[in-house]
All heavy atoms as atom14 arrays in JSON, in Angstrom:
{
  "sequence": "NSPLAYPRYLRLSVHPDVEYKELLANYIEEHFSLIHCSSLVHSL",
  "atom14_mask": [
    [1, 1, 1, 1, 1, 1, 1, 1, 0, 0, 0, 0, 0, 0],
    [1, 1, 1, 1, 1, 1, 0, 0, 0, 0, 0, 0, 0, 0],
    [1, 1, 1, 1, 1, 1, 1, 0, 0, 0, 0, 0, 0, 0],
    [1, 1, 1, 1, 1, 1, 1, 1, 0, 0, 0, 0, 0, 0],
    [1, 1, 1, 1, 1, 0, 0, 0, 0, 0, 0, 0, 0, 0],
    [1, 1, 1, 1, 1, 1, 1, 1, 1, 1, 1, 1, 0, 0],
    [1, 1, 1, 1, 1, 1, 1, 0, 0, 0, 0, 0, 0, 0],
    [1, 1, 1, 1, 1, 1, 1, 1, 1, 1, 1, 0, 0, 0],
    [1, 1, 1, 1, 1, 1, 1, 1, 1, 1, 1, 1, 0, 0],
    [1, 1, 1, 1, 1, 1, 1, 1, 0, 0, 0, 0, 0, 0],
    [1, 1, 1, 1, 1, 1, 1, 1, 1, 1, 1, 0, 0, 0],
    [1, 1, 1, 1, 1, 1, 1, 1, 0, 0, 0, 0, 0, 0],
    [1, 1, 1, 1, 1, 1, 0, 0, 0, 0, 0, 0, 0, 0],
    [1, 1, 1, 1, 1, 1, 1, 0, 0, 0, 0, 0, 0, 0],
    [1, 1, 1, 1, 1, 1, 1, 1, 1, 1, 0, 0, 0, 0],
    [1, 1, 1, 1, 1, 1, 1, 0, 0, 0, 0, 0, 0, 0],
    [1, 1, 1, 1, 1, 1, 1, 1, 0, 0, 0, 0, 0, 0],
    [1, 1, 1, 1, 1, 1, 1, 0, 0, 0, 0, 0, 0, 0],
    [1, 1, 1, 1, 1, 1, 1, 1, 1, 0, 0, 0, 0, 0],
    [1, 1, 1, 1, 1, 1, 1, 1, 1, 1, 1, 1, 0, 0],
    [1, 1, 1, 1, 1, 1, 1, 1, 1, 0, 0, 0, 0, 0],
    [1, 1, 1, 1, 1, 1, 1, 1, 1, 0, 0, 0, 0, 0],
    [1, 1, 1, 1, 1, 1, 1, 1, 0, 0, 0, 0, 0, 0],
    [1, 1, 1, 1, 1, 1, 1, 1, 0, 0, 0, 0, 0, 0],
    [1, 1, 1, 1, 1, 0, 0, 0, 0, 0, 0, 0, 0, 0],
    [1, 1, 1, 1, 1, 1, 1, 1, 0, 0, 0, 0, 0, 0],
    [1, 1, 1, 1, 1, 1, 1, 1, 1, 1, 1, 1, 0, 0],
    [1, 1, 1, 1, 1, 1, 1, 1, 0, 0, 0, 0, 0, 0],
    [1, 1, 1, 1, 1, 1, 1, 1, 1, 0, 0, 0, 0, 0],
    [1, 1, 1, 1, 1, 1, 1, 1, 1, 0, 0, 0, 0, 0],
    [1, 1, 1, 1, 1, 1, 1, 1, 1, 1, 0, 0, 0, 0],
    [1, 1, 1, 1, 1, 1, 1, 1, 1, 1, 1, 0, 0, 0],
    [1, 1, 1, 1, 1, 1, 0, 0, 0, 0, 0, 0, 0, 0],
    [1, 1, 1, 1, 1, 1, 1, 1, 0, 0, 0, 0, 0, 0],
    [1, 1, 1, 1, 1, 1, 1, 1, 0, 0, 0, 0, 0, 0],
    [1, 1, 1, 1, 1, 1, 1, 1, 1, 1, 0, 0, 0, 0],
    [1, 1, 1, 1, 1, 1, 0, 0, 0, 0, 0, 0, 0, 0],
    [1, 1, 1, 1, 1, 1, 0, 0, 0, 0, 0, 0, 0, 0],
    [1, 1, 1, 1, 1, 1, 0, 0, 0, 0, 0, 0, 0, 0],
    [1, 1, 1, 1, 1, 1, 1, 1, 0, 0, 0, 0, 0, 0],
    [1, 1, 1, 1, 1, 1, 1, 0, 0, 0, 0, 0, 0, 0],
    [1, 1, 1, 1, 1, 1, 1, 1, 1, 1, 0, 0, 0, 0],
    [1, 1, 1, 1, 1, 1, 0, 0, 0, 0, 0, 0, 0, 0],
    [1, 1, 1, 1, 1, 1, 1, 1, 0, 0, 0, 0, 0, 0]
  ],
  "atom14_positions": [
    [[137.96, 140.75, 67.18], [138.34, 141.92, 66.4], [137.64, 143.15, 66.96], [136.75, 143.04, 67.81], [137.9, 141.75, 64.94], [138.76, 140.77, 64.18], [139.9, 140.53, 64.54], [138.2, 140.19, 63.13], [0.0, 0.0, 0.0], [0.0, 0.0, 0.0], [0.0, 0.0, 0.0], [0.0, 0.0, 0.0], [0.0, 0.0, 0.0], [0.0, 0.0, 0.0]],
    [[138.01, 144.31, 66.44], [137.19, 145.49, 66.71], [135.8, 145.22, 66.14], [135.66, 144.62, 65.07], [137.79, 146.72, 66.03], [139.08, 147.0, 66.54], [0.0, 0.0, 0.0], [0.0, 0.0, 0.0], [0.0, 0.0, 0.0], [0.0, 0.0, 0.0], [0.0, 0.0, 0.0], [0.0, 0.0, 0.0], [0.0, 0.0, 0.0], [0.0, 0.0, 0.0]],
    [[134.75, 145.61, 66.83], [133.39, 145.38, 66.31], [133.21, 145.94, 64.91], [133.8, 146.97, 64.55], [132.51, 146.1, 67.33], [133.29, 146.04, 68.6], [134.72, 146.22, 68.17], [0.0, 0.0, 0.0], [0.0, 0.0, 0.0], [0.0, 0.0, 0.0], [0.0, 0.0, 0.0], [0.0, 0.0, 0.0], [0.0, 0.0, 0.0], [0.0, 0.0, 0.0]],
    [[132.4, 145.28, 64.14], [132.17, 145.67, 62.75], [131.62, 147.09, 62.66], [130.69, 147.45, 63.38], [131.21, 144.67, 62.1], [130.93, 144.84, 60.61], [130.81, 143.48, 59.94], [129.65, 145.63, 60.38], [0.0, 0.0, 0.0], [0.0, 0.0, 0.0], [0.0, 0.0, 0.0], [0.0, 0.0, 0.0], [0.0, 0.0, 0.0], [0.0, 0.0, 0.0]],
    [[132.2, 147.87, 61.75], [131.73, 149.23, 61.52], [131.03, 149.37, 60.16], [130.14, 150.2, 60.01], [132.89, 150.22, 61.61], [0.0, 0.0, 0.0], [0.0, 0.0, 0.0], [0.0, 0.0, 0.0], [0.0, 0.0, 0.0], [0.0, 0.0, 0.0], [0.0, 0.0, 0.0], [0.0, 0.0, 0.0], [0.0, 0.0, 0.0], [0.0, 0.0, 0.0]],
    [[131.43, 148.55, 59.18], [130.85, 148.6, 57.84], [130.63, 147.19, 57.32], [131.49, 146.32, 57.53], [131.77, 149.38, 56.89], [132.01, 150.8, 57.32], [133.2, 151.14, 57.96], [131.06, 151.78, 57.11], [133.43, 152.44, 58.39], [131.28, 153.08, 57.53], [132.46, 153.4, 58.17], [132.68, 154.69, 58.59], [0.0, 0.0, 0.0], [0.0, 0.0, 0.0]],
    [[129.48, 146.93, 56.65], [128.41, 147.88, 56.36], [127.69, 148.33, 57.63], [127.52, 147.53, 58.56], [127.47, 147.11, 55.44], [127.73, 145.68, 55.76], [129.18, 145.59, 56.12], [0.0, 0.0, 0.0], [0.0, 0.0, 0.0], [0.0, 0.0, 0.0], [0.0, 0.0, 0.0], [0.0, 0.0, 0.0], [0.0, 0.0, 0.0], [0.0, 0.0, 0.0]],
    [[127.26, 149.57, 57.64], [126.74, 150.17, 58.84], [125.53, 149.43, 59.4], [125.35, 149.36, 60.62], [126.37, 151.64, 58.58], [126.12, 152.41, 59.87], [125.42, 153.73, 59.69], [125.4, 154.46, 60.95], [124.61, 154.17, 61.99], [123.78, 153.13, 61.91], [124.67, 154.87, 63.11], [0.0, 0.0, 0.0], [0.0, 0.0, 0.0], [0.0, 0.0, 0.0]],
    [[124.7, 148.88, 58.53], [123.45, 148.27, 59.0], [123.7, 146.99, 59.81], [122.76, 146.44, 60.4], [122.51, 148.0, 57.82], [122.79, 146.75, 57.01], [122.01, 145.61, 57.18], [123.82, 146.7, 56.07], [122.24, 144.46, 56.45], [124.06, 145.56, 55.33], [123.27, 144.45, 55.51], [123.5, 143.31, 54.78], [0.0, 0.0, 0.0], [0.0, 0.0, 0.0]],
    [[124.96, 146.52, 59.87], [125.28, 145.34, 60.67], [126.02, 145.69, 61.97], [126.5, 144.79, 62.66], [126.14, 144.37, 59.84], [125.42, 143.68, 58.67], [126.38, 142.77, 57.92], [124.22, 142.88, 59.16], [0.0, 0.0, 0.0], [0.0, 0.0, 0.0], [0.0, 0.0, 0.0], [0.0, 0.0, 0.0], [0.0, 0.0, 0.0], [0.0, 0.0, 0.0]],
    [[126.09, 146.96, 62.3], [126.73, 147.34, 63.56], [125.92, 146.84, 64.75], [124.69, 146.7, 64.71], [126.84, 148.87, 63.67], [127.86, 149.49, 62.73], [127.92, 150.99, 62.92], [128.83, 151.62, 61.97], [129.08, 152.92, 61.91], [128.48, 153.74, 62.78], [129.92, 153.4, 61.01], [0.0, 0.0, 0.0], [0.0, 0.0, 0.0], [0.0, 0.0, 0.0]],
    [[126.61, 146.61, 65.86], [125.93, 146.2, 67.1], [124.9, 147.22, 67.55], [123.85, 146.86, 68.1], [126.97, 145.99, 68.21], [127.81, 144.71, 68.13], [128.97, 144.79, 69.11], [126.97, 143.47, 68.4], [0.0, 0.0, 0.0], [0.0, 0.0, 0.0], [0.0, 0.0, 0.0], [0.0, 0.0, 0.0], [0.0, 0.0, 0.0], [0.0, 0.0, 0.0]],
    [[125.17, 148.48, 67.33], [124.25, 149.53, 67.78], [122.89, 149.44, 67.1], [121.88, 149.93, 67.62], [124.85, 150.92, 67.55], [125.08, 151.13, 66.16], [0.0, 0.0, 0.0], [0.0, 0.0, 0.0], [0.0, 0.0, 0.0], [0.0, 0.0, 0.0], [0.0, 0.0, 0.0], [0.0, 0.0, 0.0], [0.0, 0.0, 0.0], [0.0, 0.0, 0.0]],
    [[122.84, 148.8, 65.93], [121.58, 148.68, 65.18], [120.64, 147.66, 65.84], [119.42, 147.79, 65.75], [121.88, 148.28, 63.72], [120.6, 147.98, 62.95], [122.68, 149.38, 63.02], [0.0, 0.0, 0.0], [0.0, 0.0, 0.0], [0.0, 0.0, 0.0], [0.0, 0.0, 0.0], [0.0, 0.0, 0.0], [0.0, 0.0, 0.0], [0.0, 0.0, 0.0]],
    [[121.19, 146.69, 66.53], [120.36, 145.65, 67.15], [119.43, 146.26, 68.2], [119.87, 147.0, 69.08], [121.25, 144.59, 67.81], [120.58, 143.28, 68.01], [119.47, 143.12, 68.83], [120.83, 142.05, 67.49], [119.09, 141.85, 68.81], [119.9, 141.18, 68.01], [0.0, 0.0, 0.0], [0.0, 0.0, 0.0], [0.0, 0.0, 0.0], [0.0, 0.0, 0.0]],
    [[118.13, 145.96, 68.14], [117.17, 146.61, 69.04], [117.13, 146.04, 70.46], [116.5, 146.64, 71.34], [115.83, 146.39, 68.34], [116.02, 145.19, 67.51], [117.45, 145.17, 67.08], [0.0, 0.0, 0.0], [0.0, 0.0, 0.0], [0.0, 0.0, 0.0], [0.0, 0.0, 0.0], [0.0, 0.0, 0.0], [0.0, 0.0, 0.0], [0.0, 0.0, 0.0]],
    [[117.8, 144.92, 70.72], [117.73, 144.31, 72.05], [118.73, 144.99, 72.99], [119.77, 144.44, 73.34], [118.01, 142.81, 71.96], [117.61, 142.07, 73.24], [117.38, 142.74, 74.26], [117.53, 140.83, 73.21], [0.0, 0.0, 0.0], [0.0, 0.0, 0.0], [0.0, 0.0, 0.0], [0.0, 0.0, 0.0], [0.0, 0.0, 0.0], [0.0, 0.0, 0.0]],
    [[118.38, 146.19, 73.41], [119.26, 147.01, 74.25], [119.5, 146.36, 75.6], [120.62, 146.41, 76.14], [118.66, 148.43, 74.42], [119.51, 149.26, 75.37], [118.52, 149.11, 73.07], [0.0, 0.0, 0.0], [0.0, 0.0, 0.0], [0.0, 0.0, 0.0], [0.0, 0.0, 0.0], [0.0, 0.0, 0.0], [0.0, 0.0, 0.0], [0.0, 0.0, 0.0]],
    [[118.47, 145.74, 76.17], [118.6, 145.11, 77.48], [119.64, 143.99, 77.45], [120.49, 143.89, 78.35], [117.24, 144.57, 77.93], [117.28, 143.91, 79.3], [115.92, 143.4, 79.75], [114.93, 143.62, 79.02], [115.85, 142.76, 80.81], [0.0, 0.0, 0.0], [0.0, 0.0, 0.0], [0.0, 0.0, 0.0], [0.0, 0.0, 0.0], [0.0, 0.0, 0.0]],
    [[119.59, 143.16, 76.41], [120.56, 142.06, 76.32], [121.97, 142.6, 76.11], [122.94, 142.06, 76.65], [120.2, 141.1, 75.18], [121.2, 139.97, 75.07], [121.13, 138.88, 75.93], [122.24, 140.03, 74.15], [122.06, 137.86, 75.86], [123.19, 139.02, 74.07], [123.09, 137.93, 74.93], [124.04, 136.92, 74.87], [0.0, 0.0, 0.0], [0.0, 0.0, 0.0]],
    [[122.11, 143.65, 75.33], [123.45, 144.22, 75.08], [124.09, 144.68, 76.38], [125.3, 144.49, 76.59], [123.36, 145.36, 74.06], [123.17, 144.87, 72.64], [123.31, 145.97, 71.6], [122.09, 146.83, 71.5], [122.17, 147.78, 70.36], [0.0, 0.0, 0.0], [0.0, 0.0, 0.0], [0.0, 0.0, 0.0], [0.0, 0.0, 0.0], [0.0, 0.0, 0.0]],
    [[123.31, 145.26, 77.27], [123.85, 145.69, 78.56], [124.23, 144.48, 79.41], [125.28, 144.47, 80.08], [122.85, 146.57, 79.29], [123.33, 147.1, 80.64], [124.6, 147.92, 80.56], [124.83, 148.58, 79.51], [125.38, 147.92, 81.54], [0.0, 0.0, 0.0], [0.0, 0.0, 0.0], [0.0, 0.0, 0.0], [0.0, 0.0, 0.0], [0.0, 0.0, 0.0]],
    [[123.4, 143.46, 79.41], [123.72, 142.23, 80.15], [125.0, 141.6, 79.62], [125.85, 141.14, 80.4], [122.57, 141.23, 80.04], [121.28, 141.57, 80.8], [120.17, 140.59, 80.44], [121.53, 141.55, 82.31], [0.0, 0.0, 0.0], [0.0, 0.0, 0.0], [0.0, 0.0, 0.0], [0.0, 0.0, 0.0], [0.0, 0.0, 0.0], [0.0, 0.0, 0.0]],
    [[125.16, 141.58, 78.31], [126.36, 141.0, 77.71], [127.59, 141.82, 78.05], [128.65, 141.27, 78.36], [126.19, 140.89, 76.19], [127.38, 140.31, 75.42], [127.71, 138.9, 75.9], [127.1, 140.31, 73.92], [0.0, 0.0, 0.0], [0.0, 0.0, 0.0], [0.0, 0.0, 0.0], [0.0, 0.0, 0.0], [0.0, 0.0, 0.0], [0.0, 0.0, 0.0]],
    [[127.47, 143.14, 78.01], [128.59, 144.01, 78.36], [129.04, 143.74, 79.8], [130.25, 143.65, 80.08], [128.2, 145.48, 78.19], [0.0, 0.0, 0.0], [0.0, 0.0, 0.0], [0.0, 0.0, 0.0], [0.0, 0.0, 0.0], [0.0, 0.0, 0.0], [0.0, 0.0, 0.0], [0.0, 0.0, 0.0], [0.0, 0.0, 0.0], [0.0, 0.0, 0.0]],
    [[128.09, 143.6, 80.7], [128.42, 143.3, 82.1], [129.1, 141.94, 82.22], [130.07, 141.77, 82.99], [127.16, 143.32, 82.96], [126.56, 144.72, 83.08], [127.26, 145.72, 82.91], [125.27, 144.8, 83.37], [0.0, 0.0, 0.0], [0.0, 0.0, 0.0], [0.0, 0.0, 0.0], [0.0, 0.0, 0.0], [0.0, 0.0, 0.0], [0.0, 0.0, 0.0]],
    [[128.61, 140.96, 81.47], [129.18, 139.61, 81.51], [130.62, 139.61, 81.0], [131.51, 138.99, 81.6], [128.32, 138.68, 80.66], [128.86, 137.27, 80.55], [128.68, 136.35, 81.57], [129.56, 136.86, 79.41], [129.18, 135.06, 81.47], [130.07, 135.58, 79.29], [129.88, 134.69, 80.33], [130.38, 133.42, 80.22], [0.0, 0.0, 0.0], [0.0, 0.0, 0.0]],
    [[130.85, 140.31, 79.9], [132.21, 140.39, 79.33], [133.15, 141.07, 80.31], [134.28, 140.61, 80.55], [132.19, 141.15, 77.99], [131.4, 140.36, 76.93], [133.61, 141.42, 77.51], [132.01, 139.07, 76.51], [0.0, 0.0, 0.0], [0.0, 0.0, 0.0], [0.0, 0.0, 0.0], [0.0, 0.0, 0.0], [0.0, 0.0, 0.0], [0.0, 0.0, 0.0]],
    [[132.71, 142.15, 80.92], [133.54, 142.86, 81.9], [133.9, 141.97, 83.09], [135.02, 142.01, 83.6], [132.8, 144.1, 82.41], [132.83, 145.28, 81.47], [132.16, 146.5, 82.07], [131.16, 146.34, 82.81], [132.64, 147.61, 81.8], [0.0, 0.0, 0.0], [0.0, 0.0, 0.0], [0.0, 0.0, 0.0], [0.0, 0.0, 0.0], [0.0, 0.0, 0.0]],
    [[132.96, 141.15, 83.5], [133.16, 140.32, 84.69], [134.06, 139.11, 84.44], [134.84, 138.71, 85.3], [131.81, 139.85, 85.22], [131.9, 139.04, 86.5], [130.53, 138.64, 87.03], [129.51, 139.16, 86.52], [130.48, 137.79, 87.95], [0.0, 0.0, 0.0], [0.0, 0.0, 0.0], [0.0, 0.0, 0.0], [0.0, 0.0, 0.0], [0.0, 0.0, 0.0]],
    [[133.97, 138.54, 83.22], [134.61, 137.25, 83.0], [135.81, 137.28, 82.07], [136.58, 136.3, 82.02], [133.59, 136.26, 82.43], [132.53, 135.86, 83.4], [131.33, 136.54, 83.53], [132.48, 134.87, 84.32], [130.6, 135.99, 84.46], [131.26, 134.97, 84.96], [0.0, 0.0, 0.0], [0.0, 0.0, 0.0], [0.0, 0.0, 0.0], [0.0, 0.0, 0.0]],
    [[136.03, 138.36, 81.31], [137.1, 138.35, 80.33], [137.94, 139.62, 80.41], [137.48, 140.66, 80.87], [136.51, 138.17, 78.91], [135.75, 136.89, 78.76], [134.37, 136.89, 78.87], [136.4, 135.69, 78.56], [133.65, 135.72, 78.76], [135.69, 134.5, 78.45], [134.31, 134.51, 78.55], [0.0, 0.0, 0.0], [0.0, 0.0, 0.0], [0.0, 0.0, 0.0]],
    [[139.15, 139.51, 79.9], [140.09, 140.62, 79.98], [139.63, 141.8, 79.14], [139.41, 141.68, 77.93], [141.47, 140.16, 79.5], [142.34, 141.26, 79.36], [0.0, 0.0, 0.0], [0.0, 0.0, 0.0], [0.0, 0.0, 0.0], [0.0, 0.0, 0.0], [0.0, 0.0, 0.0], [0.0, 0.0, 0.0], [0.0, 0.0, 0.0], [0.0, 0.0, 0.0]],
    [[139.54, 142.96, 79.77], [139.14, 144.16, 79.03], [140.24, 144.66, 78.1], [140.01, 145.51, 77.24], [138.75, 145.27, 80.01], [137.35, 145.13, 80.6], [137.06, 146.29, 81.54], [136.29, 145.09, 79.51], [0.0, 0.0, 0.0], [0.0, 0.0, 0.0], [0.0, 0.0, 0.0], [0.0, 0.0, 0.0], [0.0, 0.0, 0.0], [0.0, 0.0, 0.0]],
    [[141.46, 144.12, 78.28], [142.54, 144.48, 77.36], [142.13, 144.13, 75.93], [142.43, 144.84, 74.98], [143.83, 143.74, 77.74], [144.33, 144.2, 79.1], [144.91, 143.95, 76.68], [145.51, 143.41, 79.61], [0.0, 0.0, 0.0], [0.0, 0.0, 0.0], [0.0, 0.0, 0.0], [0.0, 0.0, 0.0], [0.0, 0.0, 0.0], [0.0, 0.0, 0.0]],
    [[141.41, 143.02, 75.79], [141.02, 142.55, 74.47], [139.56, 142.81, 74.15], [139.13, 142.56, 73.03], [141.31, 141.05, 74.34], [142.72, 140.68, 74.65], [143.76, 141.05, 73.83], [143.27, 140.0, 75.68], [144.9, 140.6, 74.34], [144.63, 139.97, 75.45], [0.0, 0.0, 0.0], [0.0, 0.0, 0.0], [0.0, 0.0, 0.0], [0.0, 0.0, 0.0]],
    [[138.78, 143.27, 75.11], [137.34, 143.39, 74.92], [136.79, 144.8, 75.15], [135.57, 144.99, 75.13], [136.6, 142.42, 75.85], [137.02, 140.69, 75.61], [0.0, 0.0, 0.0], [0.0, 0.0, 0.0], [0.0, 0.0, 0.0], [0.0, 0.0, 0.0], [0.0, 0.0, 0.0], [0.0, 0.0, 0.0], [0.0, 0.0, 0.0], [0.0, 0.0, 0.0]],
    [[137.64, 145.78, 75.37], [137.15, 147.11, 75.71], [136.32, 147.73, 74.6], [135.29, 148.36, 74.85], [138.32, 148.04, 76.08], [139.23, 148.14, 75.01], [0.0, 0.0, 0.0], [0.0, 0.0, 0.0], [0.0, 0.0, 0.0], [0.0, 0.0, 0.0], [0.0, 0.0, 0.0], [0.0, 0.0, 0.0], [0.0, 0.0, 0.0], [0.0, 0.0, 0.0]],
    [[136.75, 147.55, 73.33], [135.98, 148.13, 72.23], [134.65, 147.42, 72.05], [133.64, 148.02, 71.66], [136.77, 148.1, 70.92], [137.07, 146.77, 70.54], [0.0, 0.0, 0.0], [0.0, 0.0, 0.0], [0.0, 0.0, 0.0], [0.0, 0.0, 0.0], [0.0, 0.0, 0.0], [0.0, 0.0, 0.0], [0.0, 0.0, 0.0], [0.0, 0.0, 0.0]],
    [[134.61, 146.11, 72.36], [133.35, 145.38, 72.3], [132.39, 145.9, 73.35], [131.21, 146.17, 73.06], [133.61, 143.88, 72.52], [132.39, 142.99, 72.76], [131.39, 143.11, 71.62], [132.82, 141.54, 72.96], [0.0, 0.0, 0.0], [0.0, 0.0, 0.0], [0.0, 0.0, 0.0], [0.0, 0.0, 0.0], [0.0, 0.0, 0.0], [0.0, 0.0, 0.0]],
    [[132.85, 146.06, 74.58], [132.01, 146.58, 75.65], [131.5, 147.97, 75.29], [130.32, 148.3, 75.49], [132.77, 146.59, 76.99], [131.98, 147.34, 78.06], [133.05, 145.15, 77.44], [0.0, 0.0, 0.0], [0.0, 0.0, 0.0], [0.0, 0.0, 0.0], [0.0, 0.0, 0.0], [0.0, 0.0, 0.0], [0.0, 0.0, 0.0], [0.0, 0.0, 0.0]],
    [[132.39, 148.79, 74.76], [131.98, 150.15, 74.35], [130.86, 150.09, 73.31], [129.86, 150.8, 73.42], [133.19, 150.9, 73.78], [132.83, 152.2, 73.11], [132.71, 153.38, 73.82], [132.55, 152.5, 71.81], [132.37, 154.35, 72.99], [132.27, 153.85, 71.77], [0.0, 0.0, 0.0], [0.0, 0.0, 0.0], [0.0, 0.0, 0.0], [0.0, 0.0, 0.0]],
    [[131.04, 149.25, 72.29], [130.05, 149.17, 71.22], [128.71, 148.64, 71.71], [127.66, 149.04, 71.21], [130.58, 148.28, 70.09], [131.7, 148.88, 69.46], [0.0, 0.0, 0.0], [0.0, 0.0, 0.0], [0.0, 0.0, 0.0], [0.0, 0.0, 0.0], [0.0, 0.0, 0.0], [0.0, 0.0, 0.0], [0.0, 0.0, 0.0], [0.0, 0.0, 0.0]],
    [[128.75, 147.74, 72.66], [127.5, 147.21, 73.22], [126.71, 148.29, 73.96], [125.48, 148.2, 74.07], [127.8, 146.05, 74.17], [128.27, 144.75, 73.52], [128.8, 143.78, 74.56], [127.13, 144.09, 72.73], [0.0, 0.0, 0.0], [0.0, 0.0, 0.0], [0.0, 0.0, 0.0], [0.0, 0.0, 0.0], [0.0, 0.0, 0.0], [0.0, 0.0, 0.0]]
  ]
}
C-alpha cells in the first residue's frame, strides 16, 4: 500500500534508524519494481 500517513506517530519518517532506511530504499530499488514501490522508496 501507500506508506502509512495516519496516525502520524507511526510514519516511516519517525523511525530513527536513518541508515537502515537508506539501505532498504536501495535494496527495494535494486530488486523490485518501482511501479509498485516508488512511494515506499520516497517515504524511506
